[in-house]
Amino acid sequence: MSRAVRPFGLPRAARLRQANEIQSVFQAGRREERRAFVLLWVPTRGPGRAGFAVSRQIRGSVSRNRARRRLREAYRALGSGRARSVDAMFIARAWALKAPLDELRADMARALAVTAGSAAT
């Protein structure tokens, strides 16, 4: 398979991929809670990156993977509204499995707007 970004994928530069990067967000990140997810974020220099996680409180690997994919798709669909100058981790809650995708996307946009306002101060 080609290393090029798939039409509906996130480029590698836009994702948190290293374990130490993800751990730093979990340890030092600010918290923004929503019905479908918890957003942990830290200000950073350069472009914003995002990671996606799901707690095992959501039973079954199929459900956990579905929740992760739904969050990732909602984030990808934000386009220019994605995280800027923050490293963000989205942790899925059970509502992420049931929420309409438009609602997830709107909730993500509102949560990321809060980070943009706080990161500037």
PDB file of N, CA and C in Angstrom:
ATOM      1  N   MET A   1       0.832  -1.185   0.000  1.00  0.00           N
ATOM      2  CA  MET A   1       0.000   0.000   0.000  1.00  0.00           C
ATOM      3  C   MET A   1       0.878   1.250   0.000  1.00  0.00           C
ATOM      4  N   SER A   2       0.439   2.226  -0.675  1.00  0.00           N
ATOM      5  CA  SER A   2       1.169   3.478  -0.804  1.00  0.00           C
ATOM      6  C   SER A   2       1.201   4.235   0.523  1.00  0.00           C
ATOM      7  N   ARG A   3       2.227   5.010   0.745  1.00  0.00           N
ATOM      8  CA  ARG A   3       2.325   5.831   1.952  1.00  0.00           C
ATOM      9  C   ARG A   3       1.593   7.166   1.794  1.00  0.00           C
ATOM     10  N   ALA A   4       1.041   7.406   0.627  1.00  0.00           N
ATOM     11  CA  ALA A   4       0.299   8.651   0.408  1.00  0.00           C
ATOM     12  C   ALA A   4      -0.940   8.667   1.291  1.00  0.00           C
ATOM     13  N   VAL A   5      -1.397   9.864   1.621  1.00  0.00           N
ATOM     14  CA  VAL A   5      -2.590  10.008   2.448  1.00  0.00           C
ATOM     15  C   VAL A   5      -3.800   9.572   1.643  1.00  0.00           C
ATOM     16  N   ARG A   6      -4.591   8.708   2.238  1.00  0.00           N
ATOM     17  CA  ARG A   6      -5.815   8.299   1.582  1.00  0.00           C
ATOM     18  C   ARG A   6      -6.743   9.493   1.485  1.00  0.00           C
ATOM     19  N   PRO A   7      -7.703   9.471   0.565  1.00  0.00           N
ATOM     20  CA  PRO A   7      -8.572  10.630   0.386  1.00  0.00           C
ATOM     21  C   PRO A   7      -9.287  11.062   1.666  1.00  0.00           C
ATOM     22  N   PHE A   8      -9.613  10.106   2.536  1.00  0.00           N
ATOM     23  CA  PHE A   8     -10.345  10.453   3.743  1.00  0.00           C
ATOM     24  C   PHE A   8      -9.515  10.269   5.007  1.00  0.00           C
ATOM     25  N   GLY A   9      -8.197  10.268   4.869  1.00  0.00           N
ATOM     26  CA  GLY A   9      -7.332  10.057   6.021  1.00  0.00           C
ATOM     27  C   GLY A   9      -6.769  11.359   6.563  1.00  0.00           C
ATOM     28  N   LEU A  10      -6.105  11.232   7.694  1.00  0.00           N
ATOM     29  CA  LEU A  10      -5.368  12.362   8.270  1.00  0.00           C
ATOM     30  C   LEU A  10      -3.895  12.158   7.952  1.00  0.00           C
ATOM     31  N   PRO A  11      -3.201  13.196   7.522  1.00  0.00           N
ATOM     32  CA  PRO A  11      -1.769  13.039   7.266  1.00  0.00           C
ATOM     33  C   PRO A  11      -1.022  12.713   8.564  1.00  0.00           C
ATOM     34  N   ARG A  12       0.092  12.055   8.448  1.00  0.00           N
ATOM     35  CA  ARG A  12       0.877  11.678   9.626  1.00  0.00           C
ATOM     36  C   ARG A  12       1.238  12.891  10.476  1.00  0.00           C
ATOM     37  N   ALA A  13       1.526  13.993   9.838  1.00  0.00           N
ATOM     38  CA  ALA A  13       1.925  15.195  10.578  1.00  0.00           C
ATOM     39  C   ALA A  13       0.786  15.736  11.435  1.00  0.00           C
ATOM     40  N   ALA A  14      -0.443  15.338  11.157  1.00  0.00           N
ATOM     41  CA  ALA A  14      -1.605  15.836  11.899  1.00  0.00           C
ATOM     42  C   ALA A  14      -2.018  14.901  13.034  1.00  0.00           C
ATOM     43  N   ARG A  15      -1.264  13.809  13.230  1.00  0.00           N
ATOM     44  CA  ARG A  15      -1.631  12.829  14.256  1.00  0.00           C
ATOM     45  C   ARG A  15      -0.567  12.731  15.328  1.00  0.00           C
ATOM     46  N   LEU A  16      -0.995  12.495  16.557  1.00  0.00           N
ATOM     47  CA  LEU A  16      -0.078  12.150  17.643  1.00  0.00           C
ATOM     48  C   LEU A  16       0.194  10.659  17.504  1.00  0.00           C
ATOM     49  N   ARG A  17       1.459  10.287  17.331  1.00  0.00           N
ATOM     50  CA  ARG A  17       1.762   8.885  17.062  1.00  0.00           C
ATOM     51  C   ARG A  17       2.720   8.271  18.079  1.00  0.00           C
ATOM     52  N   GLN A  18       3.588   9.060  18.662  1.00  0.00           N
ATOM     53  CA  GLN A  18       4.584   8.547  19.595  1.00  0.00           C
ATOM     54  C   GLN A  18       3.983   8.414  21.001  1.00  0.00           C
ATOM     55  N   ALA A  19       4.325   7.333  21.689  1.00  0.00           N
ATOM     56  CA  ALA A  19       3.793   7.095  23.033  1.00  0.00           C
ATOM     57  C   ALA A  19       4.159   8.222  23.998  1.00  0.00           C
ATOM     58  N   ASN A  20       5.371   8.754  23.876  1.00  0.00           N
ATOM     59  CA  ASN A  20       5.776   9.829  24.794  1.00  0.00           C
ATOM     60  C   ASN A  20       4.998  11.119  24.538  1.00  0.00           C
ATOM     61  N   GLU A  21       4.629  11.386  23.303  1.00  0.00           N
ATOM     62  CA  GLU A  21       3.811  12.572  22.995  1.00  0.00           C
ATOM     63  C   GLU A  21       2.419  12.422  23.601  1.00  0.00           C
ATOM     64  N   ILE A  22       1.855  11.239  23.455  1.00  0.00           N
ATOM     65  CA  ILE A  22       0.516  10.974  23.982  1.00  0.00           C
ATOM     66  C   ILE A  22       0.531  11.043  25.508  1.00  0.00           C
ATOM     67  N   GLN A  23       1.553  10.461  26.134  1.00  0.00           N
ATOM     68  CA  GLN A  23       1.668  10.499  27.590  1.00  0.00           C
ATOM     69  C   GLN A  23       1.787  11.920  28.112  1.00  0.00           C
ATOM     70  N   SER A  24       2.521  12.776  27.409  1.00  0.00           N
ATOM     71  CA  SER A  24       2.665  14.159  27.872  1.00  0.00           C
ATOM     72  C   SER A  24       1.332  14.887  27.841  1.00  0.00           C
ATOM     73  N   VAL A  25       0.484  14.575  26.869  1.00  0.00           N
ATOM     74  CA  VAL A  25      -0.848  15.194  26.815  1.00  0.00           C
ATOM     75  C   VAL A  25      -1.691  14.680  27.980  1.00  0.00           C
ATOM     76  N   PHE A  26      -1.627  13.380  28.272  1.00  0.00           N
ATOM     77  CA  PHE A  26      -2.392  12.821  29.379  1.00  0.00           C
ATOM     78  C   PHE A  26      -1.924  13.383  30.717  1.00  0.00           C
ATOM     79  N   GLN A  27      -0.634  13.597  30.885  1.00  0.00           N
ATOM     80  CA  GLN A  27      -0.105  14.033  32.170  1.00  0.00           C
ATOM     81  C   GLN A  27      -0.243  15.536  32.395  1.00  0.00           C
ATOM     82  N   ALA A  28      -0.019  16.339  31.369  1.00  0.00           N
ATOM     83  CA  ALA A  28       0.006  17.789  31.562  1.00  0.00           C
ATOM     84  C   ALA A  28      -1.155  18.507  30.872  1.00  0.00           C
ATOM     85  N   GLY A  29      -2.029  17.759  30.242  1.00  0.00           N
ATOM     86  CA  GLY A  29      -3.077  18.384  29.439  1.00  0.00           C
ATOM     87  C   GLY A  29      -4.196  19.011  30.240  1.00  0.00           C
ATOM     88  N   ARG A  30      -4.758  20.051  29.674  1.00  0.00           N
ATOM     89  CA  ARG A  30      -5.979  20.640  30.217  1.00  0.00           C
ATOM     90  C   ARG A  30      -7.146  19.792  29.743  1.00  0.00           C
ATOM     91  N   ARG A  31      -8.263  19.890  30.442  1.00  0.00           N
ATOM     92  CA  ARG A  31      -9.381  18.987  30.204  1.00  0.00           C
ATOM     93  C   ARG A  31     -10.635  19.754  29.806  1.00  0.00           C
ATOM     94  N   GLU A  32     -11.297  19.270  28.784  1.00  0.00           N
ATOM     95  CA  GLU A  32     -12.580  19.821  28.329  1.00  0.00           C
ATOM     96  C   GLU A  32     -13.521  18.625  28.155  1.00  0.00           C
ATOM     97  N   GLU A  33     -14.576  18.560  28.964  1.00  0.00           N
ATOM     98  CA  GLU A  33     -15.476  17.403  28.928  1.00  0.00           C
ATOM     99  C   GLU A  33     -16.716  17.695  28.096  1.00  0.00           C
ATOM    100  N   ARG A  34     -17.087  16.729  27.298  1.00  0.00           N
ATOM    101  CA  ARG A  34     -18.291  16.774  26.469  1.00  0.00           C
ATOM    102  C   ARG A  34     -19.037  15.463  26.667  1.00  0.00           C
ATOM    103  N   ARG A  35     -20.246  15.392  26.137  1.00  0.00           N
ATOM    104  CA  ARG A  35     -21.062  14.202  26.319  1.00  0.00           C
ATOM    105  C   ARG A  35     -20.460  12.979  25.615  1.00  0.00           C
ATOM    106  N   ALA A  36     -19.896  13.154  24.437  1.00  0.00           N
ATOM    107  CA  ALA A  36     -19.391  12.036  23.646  1.00  0.00           C
ATOM    108  C   ALA A  36     -17.892  11.797  23.816  1.00  0.00           C
ATOM    109  N   PHE A  37     -17.174  12.757  24.394  1.00  0.00           N
ATOM    110  CA  PHE A  37     -15.726  12.592  24.520  1.00  0.00           C
ATOM    111  C   PHE A  37     -15.170  13.517  25.579  1.00  0.00           C
ATOM    112  N   VAL A  38     -13.944  13.220  25.992  1.00  0.00           N
ATOM    113  CA  VAL A  38     -13.159  14.111  26.846  1.00  0.00           C
ATOM    114  C   VAL A  38     -11.998  14.569  25.986  1.00  0.00           C
ATOM    115  N   LEU A  39     -11.755  15.865  25.978  1.00  0.00           N
ATOM    116  CA  LEU A  39     -10.641  16.423  25.214  1.00  0.00           C
ATOM    117  C   LEU A  39      -9.549  16.831  26.181  1.00  0.00           C
ATOM    118  N   LEU A  40      -8.368  16.257  26.015  1.00  0.00           N
ATOM    119  CA  LEU A  40      -7.178  16.675  26.749  1.00  0.00           C
ATOM    120  C   LEU A  40      -6.283  17.391  25.754  1.00  0.00           C
ATOM    121  N   TRP A  41      -5.753  18.549  26.152  1.00  0.00           N
ATOM    122  CA  TRP A  41      -4.944  19.303  25.196  1.00  0.00           C
ATOM    123  C   TRP A  41      -3.854  20.093  25.898  1.00  0.00           C
ATOM    124  N   VAL A  42      -2.771  20.298  25.168  1.00  0.00           N
ATOM    125  CA  VAL A  42      -1.661  21.135  25.625  1.00  0.00           C
ATOM    126  C   VAL A  42      -1.263  22.062  24.478  1.00  0.00           C
ATOM    127  N   PRO A  43      -0.967  23.313  24.791  1.00  0.00           N
ATOM    128  CA  PRO A  43      -0.487  24.220  23.736  1.00  0.00           C
ATOM    129  C   PRO A  43       0.859  23.728  23.205  1.00  0.00           C
ATOM    130  N   THR A  44       1.101  23.963  21.937  1.00  0.00           N
ATOM    131  CA  THR A  44       2.351  23.547  21.319  1.00  0.00           C
ATOM    132  C   THR A  44       2.734  24.539  20.238  1.00  0.00           C
ATOM    133  N   ARG A  45       3.980  24.507  19.852  1.00  0.00           N
ATOM    134  CA  ARG A  45       4.415  25.322  18.718  1.00  0.00           C
ATOM    135  C   ARG A  45       4.174  24.531  17.454  1.00  0.00           C
ATOM    136  N   GLY A  46       3.886  25.203  16.392  1.00  0.00           N
ATOM    137  CA  GLY A  46       3.683  24.510  15.130  1.00  0.00           C
ATOM    138  C   GLY A  46       2.242  24.073  14.940  1.00  0.00           C
ATOM    139  N   PRO A  47       2.037  23.225  13.961  1.00  0.00           N
ATOM    140  CA  PRO A  47       0.667  22.802  13.643  1.00  0.00           C
ATOM    141  C   PRO A  47       0.097  21.902  14.730  1.00  0.00           C
ATOM    142  N   GLY A  48      -1.207  21.910  14.856  1.00  0.00           N
ATOM    143  CA  GLY A  48      -1.875  21.073  15.841  1.00  0.00           C
ATOM    144  C   GLY A  48      -1.925  19.621  15.406  1.00  0.00           C
ATOM    145  N   ARG A  49      -1.894  18.735  16.382  1.00  0.00           N
ATOM    146  CA  ARG A  49      -1.991  17.310  16.107  1.00  0.00           C
ATOM    147  C   ARG A  49      -3.057  16.717  17.019  1.00  0.00           C
ATOM    148  N   ALA A  50      -3.606  15.587  16.617  1.00  0.00           N
ATOM    149  CA  ALA A  50      -4.658  14.953  17.404  1.00  0.00           C
ATOM    150  C   ALA A  50      -4.424  13.461  17.525  1.00  0.00           C
ATOM    151  N   GLY A  51      -4.901  12.909  18.630  1.00  0.00           N
ATOM    152  CA  GLY A  51      -4.873  11.473  18.861  1.00  0.00           C
ATOM    153  C   GLY A  51      -6.233  11.048  19.378  1.00  0.00           C
ATOM    154  N   PHE A  52      -6.528   9.775  19.271  1.00  0.00           N
ATOM    155  CA  PHE A  52      -7.840   9.266  19.640  1.00  0.00           C
ATOM    156  C   PHE A  52      -7.676   8.021  20.481  1.00  0.00           C
ATOM    157  N   ALA A  53      -8.406   7.954  21.599  1.00  0.00           N
ATOM    158  CA  ALA A  53      -8.327   6.816  22.500  1.00  0.00           C
ATOM    159  C   ALA A  53      -9.734   6.472  22.976  1.00  0.00           C
ATOM    160  N   VAL A  54      -9.876   5.241  23.458  1.00  0.00           N
ATOM    161  CA  VAL A  54     -11.157   4.781  23.984  1.00  0.00           C
ATOM    162  C   VAL A  54     -10.879   3.971  25.234  1.00  0.00           C
ATOM    163  N   SER A  55     -11.645   4.223  26.283  1.00  0.00           N
ATOM    164  CA  SER A  55     -11.518   3.479  27.518  1.00  0.00           C
ATOM    165  C   SER A  55     -12.114   2.085  27.359  1.00  0.00           C
ATOM    166  N   ARG A  56     -11.625   1.147  28.125  1.00  0.00           N
ATOM    167  CA  ARG A  56     -12.192  -0.200  28.088  1.00  0.00           C
ATOM    168  C   ARG A  56     -13.524  -0.273  28.811  1.00  0.00           C
ATOM    169  N   GLN A  57     -13.980   0.855  29.344  1.00  0.00           N
ATOM    170  CA  GLN A  57     -15.326   0.892  29.907  1.00  0.00           C
ATOM    171  C   GLN A  57     -16.358   0.691  28.801  1.00  0.00           C
ATOM    172  N   ILE A  58     -15.972   1.019  27.572  1.00  0.00           N
ATOM    173  CA  ILE A  58     -16.807   0.672  26.425  1.00  0.00           C
ATOM    174  C   ILE A  58     -16.458  -0.772  26.118  1.00  0.00           C
ATOM    175  N   ARG A  59     -17.400  -1.652  26.332  1.00  0.00           N
ATOM    176  CA  ARG A  59     -17.166  -3.090  26.221  1.00  0.00           C
ATOM    177  C   ARG A  59     -17.084  -3.553  24.777  1.00  0.00           C
ATOM    178  N   GLY A  60     -16.145  -4.446  24.513  1.00  0.00           N
ATOM    179  CA  GLY A  60     -15.991  -5.070  23.208  1.00  0.00           C
ATOM    180  C   GLY A  60     -15.091  -4.275  22.290  1.00  0.00           C
ATOM    181  N   SER A  61     -14.146  -4.955  21.685  1.00  0.00           N
ATOM    182  CA  SER A  61     -13.192  -4.271  20.814  1.00  0.00           C
ATOM    183  C   SER A  61     -13.872  -3.679  19.581  1.00  0.00           C
ATOM    184  N   VAL A  62     -14.924  -4.322  19.092  1.00  0.00           N
ATOM    185  CA  VAL A  62     -15.630  -3.795  17.932  1.00  0.00           C
ATOM    186  C   VAL A  62     -16.234  -2.435  18.263  1.00  0.00           C
ATOM    187  N   SER A  63     -16.854  -2.322  19.436  1.00  0.00           N
ATOM    188  CA  SER A  63     -17.451  -1.048  19.852  1.00  0.00           C
ATOM    189  C   SER A  63     -16.390   0.006  20.089  1.00  0.00           C
ATOM    190  N   ARG A  64     -15.276  -0.377  20.717  1.00  0.00           N
ATOM    191  CA  ARG A  64     -14.201   0.590  20.956  1.00  0.00           C
ATOM    192  C   ARG A  64     -13.634   1.107  19.639  1.00  0.00           C
ATOM    193  N   ASN A  65     -13.402   0.210  18.696  1.00  0.00           N
ATOM    194  CA  ASN A  65     -12.869   0.646  17.407  1.00  0.00           C
ATOM    195  C   ASN A  65     -13.861   1.519  16.652  1.00  0.00           C
ATOM    196  N   ARG A  66     -15.151   1.188  16.742  1.00  0.00           N
ATOM    197  CA  ARG A  66     -16.175   2.009  16.086  1.00  0.00           C
ATOM    198  C   ARG A  66     -16.198   3.416  16.690  1.00  0.00           C
ATOM    199  N   ALA A  67     -16.114   3.512  18.019  1.00  0.00           N
ATOM    200  CA  ALA A  67     -16.104   4.819  18.677  1.00  0.00           C
ATOM    201  C   ALA A  67     -14.897   5.628  18.223  1.00  0.00           C
ATOM    202  N   ARG A  68     -13.739   4.990  18.157  1.00  0.00           N
ATOM    203  CA  ARG A  68     -12.519   5.673  17.720  1.00  0.00           C
ATOM    204  C   ARG A  68     -12.651   6.155  16.278  1.00  0.00           C
ATOM    205  N   ARG A  69     -13.177   5.311  15.407  1.00  0.00           N
ATOM    206  CA  ARG A  69     -13.346   5.699  13.999  1.00  0.00           C
ATOM    207  C   ARG A  69     -14.330   6.848  13.850  1.00  0.00           C
ATOM    208  N   ARG A  70     -15.395   6.843  14.647  1.00  0.00           N
ATOM    209  CA  ARG A  70     -16.383   7.931  14.560  1.00  0.00           C
ATOM    210  C   ARG A  70     -15.768   9.257  15.002  1.00  0.00           C
ATOM    211  N   LEU A  71     -14.980   9.234  16.077  1.00  0.00           N
ATOM    212  CA  LEU A  71     -14.312  10.468  16.512  1.00  0.00           C
ATOM    213  C   LEU A  71     -13.322  10.947  15.463  1.00  0.00           C
ATOM    214  N   ARG A  72     -12.550  10.016  14.913  1.00  0.00           N
ATOM    215  CA  ARG A  72     -11.563  10.378  13.904  1.00  0.00           C
ATOM    216  C   ARG A  72     -12.231  10.988  12.677  1.00  0.00           C
ATOM    217  N   GLU A  73     -13.343  10.410  12.250  1.00  0.00           N
ATOM    218  CA  GLU A  73     -14.058  10.931  11.081  1.00  0.00           C
ATOM    219  C   GLU A  73     -14.639  12.313  11.363  1.00  0.00           C
ATOM    220  N   ALA A  74     -15.209  12.503  12.540  1.00  0.00           N
ATOM    221  CA  ALA A  74     -15.751  13.819  12.894  1.00  0.00           C
ATOM    222  C   ALA A  74     -14.637  14.868  12.886  1.00  0.00           C
ATOM    223  N   TYR A  75     -13.472  14.508  13.424  1.00  0.00           N
ATOM    224  CA  TYR A  75     -12.332  15.430  13.448  1.00  0.00           C
ATOM    225  C   TYR A  75     -11.845  15.729  12.032  1.00  0.00           C
ATOM    226  N   ARG A  76     -11.717  14.683  11.210  1.00  0.00           N
ATOM    227  CA  ARG A  76     -11.245  14.856   9.847  1.00  0.00           C
ATOM    228  C   ARG A  76     -12.179  15.775   9.066  1.00  0.00           C
ATOM    229  N   ALA A  77     -13.476  15.635   9.298  1.00  0.00           N
ATOM    230  CA  ALA A  77     -14.463  16.420   8.565  1.00  0.00           C
ATOM    231  C   ALA A  77     -14.483  17.894   8.983  1.00  0.00           C
ATOM    232  N   LEU A  78     -13.825  18.234  10.088  1.00  0.00           N
ATOM    233  CA  LEU A  78     -13.771  19.635  10.503  1.00  0.00           C
ATOM    234  C   LEU A  78     -12.965  20.491   9.525  1.00  0.00           C
ATOM    235  N   GLY A  79     -12.055  19.871   8.801  1.00  0.00           N
ATOM    236  CA  GLY A  79     -11.260  20.605   7.818  1.00  0.00           C
ATOM    237  C   GLY A  79     -10.429  21.693   8.471  1.00  0.00           C
ATOM    238  N   SER A  80     -10.688  22.934   8.116  1.00  0.00           N
ATOM    239  CA  SER A  80      -9.895  24.045   8.637  1.00  0.00           C
ATOM    240  C   SER A  80     -10.199  24.336  10.105  1.00  0.00           C
ATOM    241  N   GLY A  81     -11.216  23.724  10.668  1.00  0.00           N
ATOM    242  CA  GLY A  81     -11.559  23.930  12.071  1.00  0.00           C
ATOM    243  C   GLY A  81     -10.795  23.027  13.017  1.00  0.00           C
ATOM    244  N   ARG A  82      -9.839  22.254  12.499  1.00  0.00           N
ATOM    245  CA  ARG A  82      -9.069  21.341  13.335  1.00  0.00           C
ATOM    246  C   ARG A  82      -8.184  22.095  14.320  1.00  0.00           C
ATOM    247  N   ALA A  83      -7.622  21.340  15.255  1.00  0.00           N
ATOM    248  CA  ALA A  83      -6.771  21.919  16.294  1.00  0.00           C
ATOM    249  C   ALA A  83      -5.597  22.677  15.679  1.00  0.00           C
ATOM    250  N   ARG A  84      -5.358  23.865  16.179  1.00  0.00           N
ATOM    251  CA  ARG A  84      -4.208  24.664  15.751  1.00  0.00           C
ATOM    252  C   ARG A  84      -3.399  25.032  16.975  1.00  0.00           C
ATOM    253  N   SER A  85      -2.125  24.794  16.893  1.00  0.00           N
ATOM    254  CA  SER A  85      -1.190  25.109  17.975  1.00  0.00           C
ATOM    255  C   SER A  85      -1.529  24.395  19.279  1.00  0.00           C
ATOM    256  N   VAL A  86      -2.207  23.243  19.193  1.00  0.00           N
ATOM    257  CA  VAL A  86      -2.441  22.410  20.366  1.00  0.00           C
ATOM    258  C   VAL A  86      -2.289  20.941  19.965  1.00  0.00           C
ATOM    259  N   ASP A  87      -1.767  20.156  20.903  1.00  0.00           N
ATOM    260  CA  ASP A  87      -1.801  18.704  20.760  1.00  0.00           C
ATOM    261  C   ASP A  87      -3.024  18.249  21.534  1.00  0.00           C
ATOM    262  N   ALA A  88      -3.914  17.538  20.876  1.00  0.00           N
ATOM    263  CA  ALA A  88      -5.198  17.172  21.473  1.00  0.00           C
ATOM    264  C   ALA A  88      -5.386  15.664  21.462  1.00  0.00           C
ATOM    265  N   MET A  89      -5.903  15.139  22.563  1.00  0.00           N
ATOM    266  CA  MET A  89      -6.294  13.734  22.660  1.00  0.00           C
ATOM    267  C   MET A  89      -7.793  13.692  22.917  1.00  0.00           C
ATOM    268  N   PHE A  90      -8.508  12.993  22.060  1.00  0.00           N
ATOM    269  CA  PHE A  90      -9.940  12.798  22.230  1.00  0.00           C
ATOM    270  C   PHE A  90     -10.152  11.409  22.810  1.00  0.00           C
ATOM    271  N   ILE A  91     -10.810  11.331  23.954  1.00  0.00           N
ATOM    272  CA  ILE A  91     -11.088  10.058  24.606  1.00  0.00           C
ATOM    273  C   ILE A  91     -12.589   9.817  24.519  1.00  0.00           C
ATOM    274  N   ALA A  92     -12.958   8.769  23.811  1.00  0.00           N
ATOM    275  CA  ALA A  92     -14.369   8.491  23.535  1.00  0.00           C
ATOM    276  C   ALA A  92     -15.120   8.065  24.792  1.00  0.00           C
ATOM    277  N   ARG A  93     -16.354   8.514  24.878  1.00  0.00           N
ATOM    278  CA  ARG A  93     -17.311   8.043  25.867  1.00  0.00           C
ATOM    279  C   ARG A  93     -18.374   7.247  25.118  1.00  0.00           C
ATOM    280  N   ALA A  94     -19.240   6.580  25.860  1.00  0.00           N
ATOM    281  CA  ALA A  94     -20.241   5.695  25.247  1.00  0.00           C
ATOM    282  C   ALA A  94     -21.153   6.435  24.261  1.00  0.00           C
ATOM    283  N   TRP A  95     -21.434   7.705  24.512  1.00  0.00           N
ATOM    284  CA  TRP A  95     -22.318   8.460  23.630  1.00  0.00           C
ATOM    285  C   TRP A  95     -21.723   8.620  22.227  1.00  0.00           C
ATOM    286  N   ALA A  96     -20.427   8.487  22.085  1.00  0.00           N
ATOM    287  CA  ALA A  96     -19.790   8.603  20.763  1.00  0.00           C
ATOM    288  C   ALA A  96     -20.294   7.530  19.812  1.00  0.00           C
ATOM    289  N   LEU A  97     -20.798   6.420  20.339  1.00  0.00           N
ATOM    290  CA  LEU A  97     -21.333   5.351  19.492  1.00  0.00           C
ATOM    291  C   LEU A  97     -22.725   5.674  18.964  1.00  0.00           C
ATOM    292  N   LYS A  98     -23.471   6.502  19.693  1.00  0.00           N
ATOM    293  CA  LYS A  98     -24.871   6.764  19.350  1.00  0.00           C
ATOM    294  C   LYS A  98     -25.104   8.139  18.745  1.00  0.00           C
ATOM    295  N   ALA A  99     -24.238   9.077  19.033  1.00  0.00           N
ATOM    296  CA  ALA A  99     -24.438  10.465  18.604  1.00  0.00           C
ATOM    297  C   ALA A  99     -24.401  10.582  17.087  1.00  0.00           C
ATOM    298  N   PRO A 100     -25.282  11.407  16.517  1.00  0.00           N
ATOM    299  CA  PRO A 100     -25.188  11.672  15.078  1.00  0.00           C
ATOM    300  C   PRO A 100     -23.836  12.325  14.759  1.00  0.00           C
ATOM    301  N   LEU A 101     -23.301  12.013  13.610  1.00  0.00           N
ATOM    302  CA  LEU A 101     -21.981  12.515  13.233  1.00  0.00           C
ATOM    303  C   LEU A 101     -21.947  14.045  13.186  1.00  0.00           C
ATOM    304  N   ASP A 102     -23.033  14.664  12.754  1.00  0.00           N
ATOM    305  CA  ASP A 102     -23.087  16.131  12.732  1.00  0.00           C
ATOM    306  C   ASP A 102     -22.976  16.708  14.139  1.00  0.00           C
ATOM    307  N   GLU A 103     -23.609  16.041  15.101  1.00  0.00           N
ATOM    308  CA  GLU A 103     -23.538  16.496  16.485  1.00  0.00           C
ATOM    309  C   GLU A 103     -22.120  16.335  17.033  1.00  0.00           C
ATOM    310  N   LEU A 104     -21.484  15.215  16.716  1.00  0.00           N
ATOM    311  CA  LEU A 104     -20.090  15.008  17.135  1.00  0.00           C
ATOM    312  C   LEU A 104     -19.180  16.099  16.573  1.00  0.00           C
ATOM    313  N   ARG A 105     -19.358  16.374  15.287  1.00  0.00           N
ATOM    314  CA  ARG A 105     -18.531  17.380  14.619  1.00  0.00           C
ATOM    315  C   ARG A 105     -18.744  18.758  15.249  1.00  0.00           C
ATOM    316  N   ALA A 106     -19.991  19.131  15.508  1.00  0.00           N
ATOM    317  CA  ALA A 106     -20.283  20.434  16.108  1.00  0.00           C
ATOM    318  C   ALA A 106     -19.721  20.520  17.522  1.00  0.00           C
ATOM    319  N   ASP A 107     -19.839  19.441  18.283  1.00  0.00           N
ATOM    320  CA  ASP A 107     -19.317  19.429  19.645  1.00  0.00           C
ATOM    321  C   ASP A 107     -17.794  19.541  19.647  1.00  0.00           C
ATOM    322  N   MET A 108     -17.149  18.880  18.692  1.00  0.00           N
ATOM    323  CA  MET A 108     -15.696  18.985  18.566  1.00  0.00           C
ATOM    324  C   MET A 108     -15.276  20.408  18.221  1.00  0.00           C
ATOM    325  N   ALA A 109     -15.995  21.019  17.310  1.00  0.00           N
ATOM    326  CA  ALA A 109     -15.668  22.395  16.919  1.00  0.00           C
ATOM    327  C   ALA A 109     -15.783  23.334  18.115  1.00  0.00           C
ATOM    328  N   ARG A 110     -16.828  23.165  18.933  1.00  0.00           N
ATOM    329  CA  ARG A 110     -16.982  24.013  20.126  1.00  0.00           C
ATOM    330  C   ARG A 110     -15.862  23.770  21.131  1.00  0.00           C
ATOM    331  N   ALA A 111     -15.504  22.503  21.333  1.00  0.00           N
ATOM    332  CA  ALA A 111     -14.427  22.185  22.279  1.00  0.00           C
ATOM    333  C   ALA A 111     -13.091  22.751  21.792  1.00  0.00           C
ATOM    334  N   LEU A 112     -12.828  22.634  20.494  1.00  0.00           N
ATOM    335  CA  LEU A 112     -11.567  23.168  19.958  1.00  0.00           C
ATOM    336  C   LEU A 112     -11.544  24.692  19.978  1.00  0.00           C
ATOM    337  N   ALA A 113     -12.716  25.324  19.883  1.00  0.00           N
ATOM    338  CA  ALA A 113     -12.778  26.788  19.992  1.00  0.00           C
ATOM    339  C   ALA A 113     -12.375  27.224  21.394  1.00  0.00           C
ATOM    340  N   VAL A 114     -12.748  26.444  22.404  1.00  0.00           N
ATOM    341  CA  VAL A 114     -12.349  26.750  23.781  1.00  0.00           C
ATOM    342  C   VAL A 114     -10.832  26.661  23.913  1.00  0.00           C
ATOM    343  N   THR A 115     -10.220  25.654  23.286  1.00  0.00           N
ATOM    344  CA  THR A 115      -8.764  25.522  23.378  1.00  0.00           C
ATOM    345  C   THR A 115      -8.065  26.682  22.682  1.00  0.00           C
ATOM    346  N   ALA A 116      -8.627  27.135  21.571  1.00  0.00           N
ATOM    347  CA  ALA A 116      -8.014  28.246  20.849  1.00  0.00           C
ATOM    348  C   ALA A 116      -8.043  29.519  21.686  1.00  0.00           C
ATOM    349  N   GLY A 117      -9.138  29.741  22.398  1.00  0.00           N
ATOM    350  CA  GLY A 117      -9.241  30.921  23.261  1.00  0.00           C
ATOM    351  C   GLY A 117      -8.309  30.840  24.452  1.00  0.00           C
ATOM    352  N   SER A 118      -8.167  29.654  25.035  1.00  0.00           N
ATOM    353  CA  SER A 118      -7.310  29.485  26.205  1.00  0.00           C
ATOM    354  C   SER A 118      -5.832  29.458  25.841  1.00  0.00           C
ATOM    355  N   ALA A 119      -5.522  28.912  24.662  1.00  0.00           N
ATOM    356  CA  ALA A 119      -4.118  28.827  24.255  1.00  0.00           C
ATOM    357  C   ALA A 119      -3.544  30.210  23.970  1.00  0.00           C
ATOM    358  N   ALA A 120      -4.387  31.120  23.545  1.00  0.00           N
ATOM    359  CA  ALA A 120      -3.920  32.467  23.213  1.00  0.00           C
ATOM    360  C   ALA A 120      -3.607  33.285  24.456  1.00  0.00           C
ATOM    361  N   THR A 121      -4.230  32.931  25.584  1.00  0.00           N
ATOM    362  CA  THR A 121      -4.015  33.724  26.813  1.00  0.00           C
ATOM    363  C   THR A 121      -2.887  33.221  27.629  1.00  0.00           C
TER     364      THR A 121
END
